[in-house]
Amino acid sequence: MKVSGRLLRGLGLAACLPLAGCGFTPLYATPDLGAGLAAVEVTTPEGRAGALMREQLDDALGRRSALPAAYRLDVALSELRYPRGVRVDNVATRYEYVLTAAYTLSPAARREPLKTGRVRVELTYDSADQPYASVVAQQDAQARAAQEAARRIHLELAAFLAGQGS
C-alpha cells in the first residue's frame, strides 16, 4: 500500500494537536535559558576530578567569562573505587568507579541556595597487568564519569532555570 506525502503530513499534524493544548514547551524554547546557564560560575574541589568536572560543566553551560556571573554553582565530589572481577590469585581485573557530585546553585551576590542536588555516576573499567595501562584506564573512567555527571547537572539546572524564567 502506497501512502501519499500529503496524507503523512496530515497524520503528523494530527498527532501534534494534542500537545498544543497541554502547555508543553520544549526546554530550550524558554527565552534566555542559554544566557542564564552561561552566567553560572562553577567552583569545584582541587585535584584531577575537580578540574575535569569544572571543564565539563563550563563547556556544557556555555560559560562566558567576559560576563559577570549571575549564579554560583558549588560542586563537592566524592570518588570511590571497588575491585570487581577478582582472579584466583586475588588480583582485581575490573574496577567499579563511582563519582558522586553534590551541588548547590545560589545567586552570585548572596549565598542562599536556590537549588541543591546530587548526581551519582557508576561505571566499570578493566585493569591491565601493566601499571601504565591500569593508570590510563582509571583516568579514562574518571573523565567519562565527570562528563556524564556534568551532563546530568546541566540538564537539572536547565530544567530549574526554565521553570524560574531564568
Protein backbone atom coordinates (compact mmCIF):
# COMPACT_ATOMS: atom_id res chain seq x y z
CA MET A 1 0.00 0.00 0.00
CA LYS A 2 1.45 3.34 -1.04
CA VAL A 3 0.75 6.33 1.20
CA SER A 4 0.93 9.83 -0.23
CA GLY A 5 3.12 12.55 1.27
CA ARG A 6 0.08 14.74 1.84
CA LEU A 7 -1.58 12.04 3.94
CA LEU A 8 1.60 11.55 6.02
CA ARG A 9 1.87 15.30 6.68
CA GLY A 10 -1.78 15.39 7.73
CA LEU A 11 -1.29 12.47 10.12
CA GLY A 12 1.81 14.13 11.57
CA LEU A 13 -0.06 17.36 12.21
CA ALA A 14 -2.97 15.48 13.75
CA ALA A 15 -0.58 13.67 16.09
CA CYS A 16 0.82 17.01 17.28
CA LEU A 17 -2.55 18.62 18.01
CA PRO A 18 -2.97 17.06 21.49
CA LEU A 19 0.38 18.58 22.53
CA ALA A 20 -0.72 22.06 21.50
CA GLY A 21 -3.33 22.33 24.25
CA CYS A 22 -1.39 20.71 27.10
CA GLY A 23 1.04 23.55 27.72
CA PHE A 24 4.07 21.51 26.64
CA THR A 25 7.08 23.70 25.91
CA PRO A 26 10.42 22.31 24.79
CA LEU A 27 13.17 23.02 27.35
CA TYR A 28 15.32 25.18 25.09
CA ALA A 29 12.33 27.15 23.81
CA THR A 30 12.44 29.04 27.12
CA PRO A 31 13.62 32.60 26.41
CA ASP A 32 17.08 33.48 27.74
CA LEU A 33 17.74 29.98 29.10
CA GLY A 34 21.11 29.88 27.36
CA ALA A 35 22.07 33.25 28.84
CA GLY A 36 21.05 32.07 32.31
CA LEU A 37 23.16 28.92 32.01
CA ALA A 38 26.11 30.88 30.63
CA ALA A 39 26.00 33.13 33.72
CA VAL A 40 26.79 30.25 36.11
CA GLU A 41 30.24 30.35 37.71
CA VAL A 42 31.41 26.86 38.67
CA THR A 43 33.62 26.05 41.66
CA THR A 44 34.94 22.54 42.22
CA PRO A 45 37.46 20.97 44.58
CA GLU A 46 41.16 20.80 43.77
CA GLY A 47 42.52 17.75 42.02
CA ARG A 48 42.09 15.97 38.72
CA ALA A 49 38.42 15.04 39.20
CA GLY A 50 37.57 18.62 40.19
CA ALA A 51 39.38 20.05 37.18
CA LEU A 52 37.65 17.61 34.82
CA MET A 53 34.27 18.41 36.33
CA ARG A 54 34.77 22.19 36.13
CA GLU A 55 35.92 21.92 32.50
CA GLN A 56 32.94 19.75 31.53
CA LEU A 57 30.43 22.00 33.32
CA ASP A 58 31.88 25.18 31.81
CA ASP A 59 31.58 23.61 28.36
CA ALA A 60 28.07 22.26 28.96
CA LEU A 61 26.77 25.52 30.42
CA GLY A 62 28.47 27.67 27.78
CA ARG A 63 30.15 29.84 30.42
CA ARG A 64 31.16 33.26 29.14
CA SER A 65 33.94 34.52 31.39
CA ALA A 66 33.64 38.05 29.98
CA LEU A 67 30.17 38.43 31.51
CA PRO A 68 29.60 38.78 35.26
CA ALA A 69 28.25 35.65 36.91
CA ALA A 70 24.61 35.76 38.00
CA TYR A 71 24.81 32.38 39.74
CA ARG A 72 27.41 30.35 41.59
CA LEU A 73 27.49 26.57 41.39
CA ASP A 74 29.46 24.90 44.18
CA VAL A 75 30.25 21.26 43.50
CA ALA A 76 31.58 18.75 46.04
CA LEU A 77 32.92 15.44 44.72
CA SER A 78 33.26 12.00 46.22
CA GLU A 79 35.16 9.23 44.44
CA LEU A 80 35.11 5.52 45.27
CA ARG A 81 36.76 2.59 43.55
CA TYR A 82 35.73 -1.02 44.17
CA PRO A 83 37.60 -4.09 42.91
CA ARG A 84 35.39 -6.38 40.81
CA GLY A 85 36.26 -9.49 38.84
CA VAL A 86 38.93 -10.82 41.20
CA ARG A 87 41.18 -13.57 39.80
CA VAL A 88 42.18 -16.74 41.64
CA ASP A 89 45.39 -15.04 42.86
CA ASN A 90 43.24 -12.28 44.46
CA VAL A 91 44.13 -9.59 41.89
CA ALA A 92 41.28 -7.49 40.54
CA THR A 93 40.83 -7.47 36.77
CA ARG A 94 37.96 -4.95 36.76
CA TYR A 95 37.11 -2.00 38.93
CA GLU A 96 33.91 -0.10 39.54
CA TYR A 97 34.40 3.67 39.73
CA VAL A 98 31.71 5.74 41.47
CA LEU A 99 31.67 9.53 41.23
CA THR A 100 29.13 11.41 43.34
CA ALA A 101 28.71 15.14 42.75
CA ALA A 102 26.67 17.18 45.25
CA TYR A 103 25.94 20.67 44.01
CA THR A 104 24.40 23.91 45.27
CA LEU A 105 23.22 26.69 42.97
CA SER A 106 22.99 30.12 44.58
CA PRO A 107 22.85 33.72 43.40
CA ALA A 108 26.31 35.21 42.90
CA ALA A 109 25.54 38.12 45.23
CA ARG A 110 24.34 36.08 48.22
CA ARG A 111 24.80 32.55 49.46
CA GLU A 112 21.20 31.38 49.95
CA PRO A 113 20.72 28.15 47.96
CA LEU A 114 18.27 28.21 45.07
CA LYS A 115 18.72 24.55 44.19
CA THR A 116 20.66 21.64 45.58
CA GLY A 117 21.12 18.24 44.07
CA ARG A 118 23.23 15.15 43.82
CA VAL A 119 24.18 13.01 40.85
CA ARG A 120 25.89 9.63 41.02
CA VAL A 121 27.72 8.01 38.12
CA GLU A 122 28.85 4.40 38.26
CA LEU A 123 30.97 2.71 35.62
CA THR A 124 33.45 -0.10 35.32
CA TYR A 125 36.81 -0.42 33.63
CA ASP A 126 39.38 -3.13 33.00
CA SER A 127 42.59 -3.22 34.96
CA ALA A 128 45.54 -4.49 32.93
CA ASP A 129 48.63 -6.24 34.24
CA GLN A 130 50.79 -3.33 33.05
CA PRO A 131 50.78 -0.47 35.60
CA TYR A 132 50.71 2.31 32.98
CA ALA A 133 47.71 0.76 31.20
CA SER A 134 45.87 0.49 34.53
CA VAL A 135 46.51 4.17 35.31
CA VAL A 136 45.28 5.20 31.85
CA ALA A 137 42.14 3.08 32.23
CA GLN A 138 41.42 4.64 35.63
CA GLN A 139 41.92 8.16 34.29
CA ASP A 140 39.65 7.41 31.34
CA ALA A 141 36.94 6.18 33.72
CA GLN A 142 37.35 9.36 35.76
CA ALA A 143 36.98 11.54 32.65
CA ARG A 144 33.91 9.63 31.41
CA ALA A 145 32.27 9.85 34.84
CA ALA A 146 32.93 13.61 35.04
CA GLN A 147 31.43 14.08 31.58
CA GLU A 148 28.27 12.14 32.48
CA ALA A 149 27.88 13.88 35.85
CA ALA A 150 28.27 17.28 34.18
CA ARG A 151 25.64 16.33 31.58
CA ARG A 152 23.16 15.38 34.30
CA ILE A 153 23.82 18.53 36.34
CA HIS A 154 23.44 20.63 33.19
CA LEU A 155 20.02 19.10 32.48
CA GLU A 156 18.86 19.58 36.08
CA LEU A 157 19.98 23.23 36.07
CA ALA A 158 18.39 23.87 32.67
CA ALA A 159 15.07 22.46 33.89
CA PHE A 160 15.28 24.51 37.08
CA LEU A 161 16.17 27.79 35.34
CA ALA A 162 13.48 27.20 32.69
CA GLY A 163 10.94 26.86 35.48
CA GLN A 164 12.23 30.06 37.10
CA GLY A 165 12.10 32.00 33.87
CA SER A 166 15.94 32.11 34.12
